[in-house]
Structure formats: C-alpha cells, structure tokens
Amino acid sequence: MGWEVHMTRAADWSNGDQRPITPDEWLAVVDADPELRIDQANGPCFAVWSGPCSYPNGGWFDWAHGCVSTKHPDRAILGKLLQLAARLGAVVQGDDGEVYTRPEDLPPD
C-alpha cells in the first residue's frame, strides 16, 4: 500500500475509464518530453522522469485504466505531473479525490 496521486479527466480518478487518457496519448506526451523515457522492464507505459527530485533514481509515472499515477510524490514530482496534466487536459487528484493544483499543495519534502 502507498499514497498515490492520479492524473485523470474523470470527475474522480477511480472512474478514469469514463473519460480516459488513452495509452497512445500518454505515450505521445512521453515521447515528446526529453525528461521522460519509457522503462519497458516495468511496463509499456511506465515512464521514468530524469528531473530533479528527492528520489535518487528519479520519479516515475505509470498509465493504467485511463489514468496516470505515481506513489509518494515529492513537490518536484507533483509539479511535473501537473505540467503533464495541463498538456492532456486533465487534473491531478489524491487517493481520496482531493485536487492538487500546485506543488505547494503538498507538505514540504
């Protein structure tokens, strides 16, 4: 178990299939972003972010069921997810449906 945030177009991330981000859309965004790369060892839609964050191997984002999610983001990872959400016309929600609009919505790293 772990705390996650989710990029979604649905009213609630748990219903991501109702207004999905498609895998093709996600992969196109990853392909267009030089800071992201697919890590096939973790799945065909698992992207690793090379930007600065508190994790030594970088942050990661994974597509499933119409959403893109990550676990335990720091402010930098949340900021990147918000940037990606803007490109895809999506919002970022926590597990309980809370909406994040800026990295500062998280407590300090």
C-alpha atoms as a PDB file:
ATOM      1  CA  MET A   1       0.000   0.000   0.000  1.00  0.00           C
ATOM      2  CA  GLY A   2       1.043   3.561  -0.541  1.00  0.00           C
ATOM      3  CA  TRP A   3      -0.290   7.024  -1.065  1.00  0.00           C
ATOM      4  CA  GLU A   4      -0.769   7.868  -4.742  1.00  0.00           C
ATOM      5  CA  VAL A   5      -1.713  10.795  -6.937  1.00  0.00           C
ATOM      6  CA  HIS A   6      -3.509  10.328 -10.217  1.00  0.00           C
ATOM      7  CA  MET A   7      -3.805  12.357 -13.412  1.00  0.00           C
ATOM      8  CA  THR A   8      -7.337  11.978 -14.753  1.00  0.00           C
ATOM      9  CA  ARG A   9     -10.013  13.549 -16.918  1.00  0.00           C
ATOM     10  CA  ALA A  10     -12.807  11.853 -14.972  1.00  0.00           C
ATOM     11  CA  ALA A  11     -14.672  13.537 -12.115  1.00  0.00           C
ATOM     12  CA  ASP A  12     -12.959  11.003  -9.845  1.00  0.00           C
ATOM     13  CA  TRP A  13      -9.740   9.178 -10.705  1.00  0.00           C
ATOM     14  CA  SER A  14     -11.267   5.831  -9.697  1.00  0.00           C
ATOM     15  CA  ASN A  15     -13.587   6.201 -12.708  1.00  0.00           C
ATOM     16  CA  GLY A  16     -10.760   7.000 -15.110  1.00  0.00           C
ATOM     17  CA  ASP A  17     -12.180   4.691 -17.762  1.00  0.00           C
ATOM     18  CA  GLN A  18     -15.195   7.020 -18.116  1.00  0.00           C
ATOM     19  CA  ARG A  19     -13.058   9.838 -19.583  1.00  0.00           C
ATOM     20  CA  PRO A  20      -9.774   8.082 -20.236  1.00  0.00           C
ATOM     21  CA  ILE A  21      -6.358   9.294 -21.085  1.00  0.00           C
ATOM     22  CA  THR A  22      -5.524   6.722 -23.728  1.00  0.00           C
ATOM     23  CA  PRO A  23      -2.223   4.855 -23.744  1.00  0.00           C
ATOM     24  CA  ASP A  24      -1.465   6.369 -27.150  1.00  0.00           C
ATOM     25  CA  GLU A  25      -1.985   9.900 -25.789  1.00  0.00           C
ATOM     26  CA  TRP A  26       0.224   9.146 -22.792  1.00  0.00           C
ATOM     27  CA  LEU A  27       2.989   7.624 -24.908  1.00  0.00           C
ATOM     28  CA  ALA A  28       2.887  10.617 -27.285  1.00  0.00           C
ATOM     29  CA  VAL A  29       3.393  13.006 -24.349  1.00  0.00           C
ATOM     30  CA  VAL A  30       6.246  10.861 -23.013  1.00  0.00           C
ATOM     31  CA  ASP A  31       7.852  10.699 -26.458  1.00  0.00           C
ATOM     32  CA  ALA A  32       7.670  14.496 -26.833  1.00  0.00           C
ATOM     33  CA  ASP A  33       9.240  15.197 -23.432  1.00  0.00           C
ATOM     34  CA  PRO A  34      13.054  14.862 -23.281  1.00  0.00           C
ATOM     35  CA  GLU A  35      12.891  14.440 -19.489  1.00  0.00           C
ATOM     36  CA  LEU A  36      10.789  11.258 -19.781  1.00  0.00           C
ATOM     37  CA  ARG A  37      11.603   7.787 -21.042  1.00  0.00           C
ATOM     38  CA  ILE A  38       9.703   4.510 -21.062  1.00  0.00           C
ATOM     39  CA  ASP A  39      11.145   1.802 -18.796  1.00  0.00           C
ATOM     40  CA  GLN A  40       9.968  -1.393 -20.510  1.00  0.00           C
ATOM     41  CA  ALA A  41      11.156  -3.510 -17.562  1.00  0.00           C
ATOM     42  CA  ASN A  42       8.274  -2.015 -15.548  1.00  0.00           C
ATOM     43  CA  GLY A  43       5.697  -1.998 -18.342  1.00  0.00           C
ATOM     44  CA  PRO A  44       4.939  -0.489 -21.739  1.00  0.00           C
ATOM     45  CA  CYS A  45       3.516   2.737 -20.280  1.00  0.00           C
ATOM     46  CA  PHE A  46       5.843   3.151 -17.276  1.00  0.00           C
ATOM     47  CA  ALA A  47       7.769   6.413 -17.650  1.00  0.00           C
ATOM     48  CA  VAL A  48      10.801   7.496 -15.661  1.00  0.00           C
ATOM     49  CA  TRP A  49      11.429  11.208 -15.132  1.00  0.00           C
ATOM     50  CA  SER A  50      15.024  12.423 -15.122  1.00  0.00           C
ATOM     51  CA  GLY A  51      14.227  15.748 -13.479  1.00  0.00           C
ATOM     52  CA  PRO A  52      15.461  16.766 -10.045  1.00  0.00           C
ATOM     53  CA  CYS A  53      13.567  15.197  -7.155  1.00  0.00           C
ATOM     54  CA  SER A  54      14.225  13.603  -3.784  1.00  0.00           C
ATOM     55  CA  TYR A  55      14.487  10.077  -5.221  1.00  0.00           C
ATOM     56  CA  PRO A  56      17.970   9.042  -6.410  1.00  0.00           C
ATOM     57  CA  ASN A  57      16.666   7.172  -9.471  1.00  0.00           C
ATOM     58  CA  GLY A  58      14.177   9.871 -10.436  1.00  0.00           C
ATOM     59  CA  GLY A  59      10.419   9.958 -10.348  1.00  0.00           C
ATOM     60  CA  TRP A  60       8.071   7.707 -12.259  1.00  0.00           C
ATOM     61  CA  PHE A  61       4.584   7.782 -13.769  1.00  0.00           C
ATOM     62  CA  ASP A  62       2.539   4.793 -14.911  1.00  0.00           C
ATOM     63  CA  TRP A  63      -0.573   4.639 -17.074  1.00  0.00           C
ATOM     64  CA  ALA A  64      -3.418   2.235 -16.210  1.00  0.00           C
ATOM     65  CA  HIS A  65      -7.210   2.275 -16.574  1.00  0.00           C
ATOM     66  CA  GLY A  66      -7.342   5.709 -18.205  1.00  0.00           C
ATOM     67  CA  CYS A  67      -5.183   7.452 -15.573  1.00  0.00           C
ATOM     68  CA  VAL A  68      -1.512   8.172 -14.971  1.00  0.00           C
ATOM     69  CA  SER A  69      -0.377   7.644 -11.377  1.00  0.00           C
ATOM     70  CA  THR A  70       2.673   7.809  -9.135  1.00  0.00           C
ATOM     71  CA  LYS A  71       3.336   6.921  -5.492  1.00  0.00           C
ATOM     72  CA  HIS A  72       4.622   9.172  -2.715  1.00  0.00           C
ATOM     73  CA  PRO A  73       5.461  12.195  -4.908  1.00  0.00           C
ATOM     74  CA  ASP A  74       7.592  14.986  -3.609  1.00  0.00           C
ATOM     75  CA  ARG A  75       6.834  18.552  -4.700  1.00  0.00           C
ATOM     76  CA  ALA A  76       9.050  18.269  -7.781  1.00  0.00           C
ATOM     77  CA  ILE A  77       7.306  15.104  -8.983  1.00  0.00           C
ATOM     78  CA  LEU A  78       3.889  16.618  -8.311  1.00  0.00           C
ATOM     79  CA  GLY A  79       4.952  19.697 -10.276  1.00  0.00           C
ATOM     80  CA  LYS A  80       5.936  17.542 -13.239  1.00  0.00           C
ATOM     81  CA  LEU A  81       2.649  15.616 -13.044  1.00  0.00           C
ATOM     82  CA  LEU A  82       0.731  18.907 -13.014  1.00  0.00           C
ATOM     83  CA  GLN A  83       2.672  20.034 -16.089  1.00  0.00           C
ATOM     84  CA  LEU A  84       1.811  16.775 -17.878  1.00  0.00           C
ATOM     85  CA  ALA A  85      -1.841  17.050 -16.810  1.00  0.00           C
ATOM     86  CA  ALA A  86      -2.062  20.504 -18.396  1.00  0.00           C
ATOM     87  CA  ARG A  87      -0.849  19.032 -21.699  1.00  0.00           C
ATOM     88  CA  LEU A  88      -3.527  16.337 -21.572  1.00  0.00           C
ATOM     89  CA  GLY A  89      -6.450  18.428 -20.305  1.00  0.00           C
ATOM     90  CA  ALA A  90      -6.512  16.516 -17.028  1.00  0.00           C
ATOM     91  CA  VAL A  91      -6.451  17.208 -13.290  1.00  0.00           C
ATOM     92  CA  VAL A  92      -4.387  15.667 -10.504  1.00  0.00           C
ATOM     93  CA  GLN A  93      -6.180  14.001  -7.597  1.00  0.00           C
ATOM     94  CA  GLY A  94      -5.074  12.165  -4.490  1.00  0.00           C
ATOM     95  CA  ASP A  95      -6.446   8.811  -3.409  1.00  0.00           C
ATOM     96  CA  ASP A  96      -9.362  10.461  -1.606  1.00  0.00           C
ATOM     97  CA  GLY A  97     -10.302  12.696  -4.561  1.00  0.00           C
ATOM     98  CA  GLU A  98      -8.532  15.817  -3.284  1.00  0.00           C
ATOM     99  CA  VAL A  99      -7.414  18.007  -6.186  1.00  0.00           C
ATOM    100  CA  TYR A 100      -3.854  19.327  -6.435  1.00  0.00           C
ATOM    101  CA  THR A 101      -3.272  22.488  -8.453  1.00  0.00           C
ATOM    102  CA  ARG A 102       0.287  23.418  -7.439  1.00  0.00           C
ATOM    103  CA  PRO A 103       3.298  21.634  -5.958  1.00  0.00           C
ATOM    104  CA  GLU A 104       2.933  23.637  -2.726  1.00  0.00           C
ATOM    105  CA  ASP A 105      -0.318  21.763  -2.055  1.00  0.00           C
ATOM    106  CA  LEU A 106       1.939  19.024  -0.619  1.00  0.00           C
ATOM    107  CA  PRO A 107       3.708  19.442   2.718  1.00  0.00           C
ATOM    108  CA  PRO A 108       7.418  20.308   2.432  1.00  0.00           C
ATOM    109  CA  ASP A 109       9.637  17.474   1.170  1.00  0.00           C
END
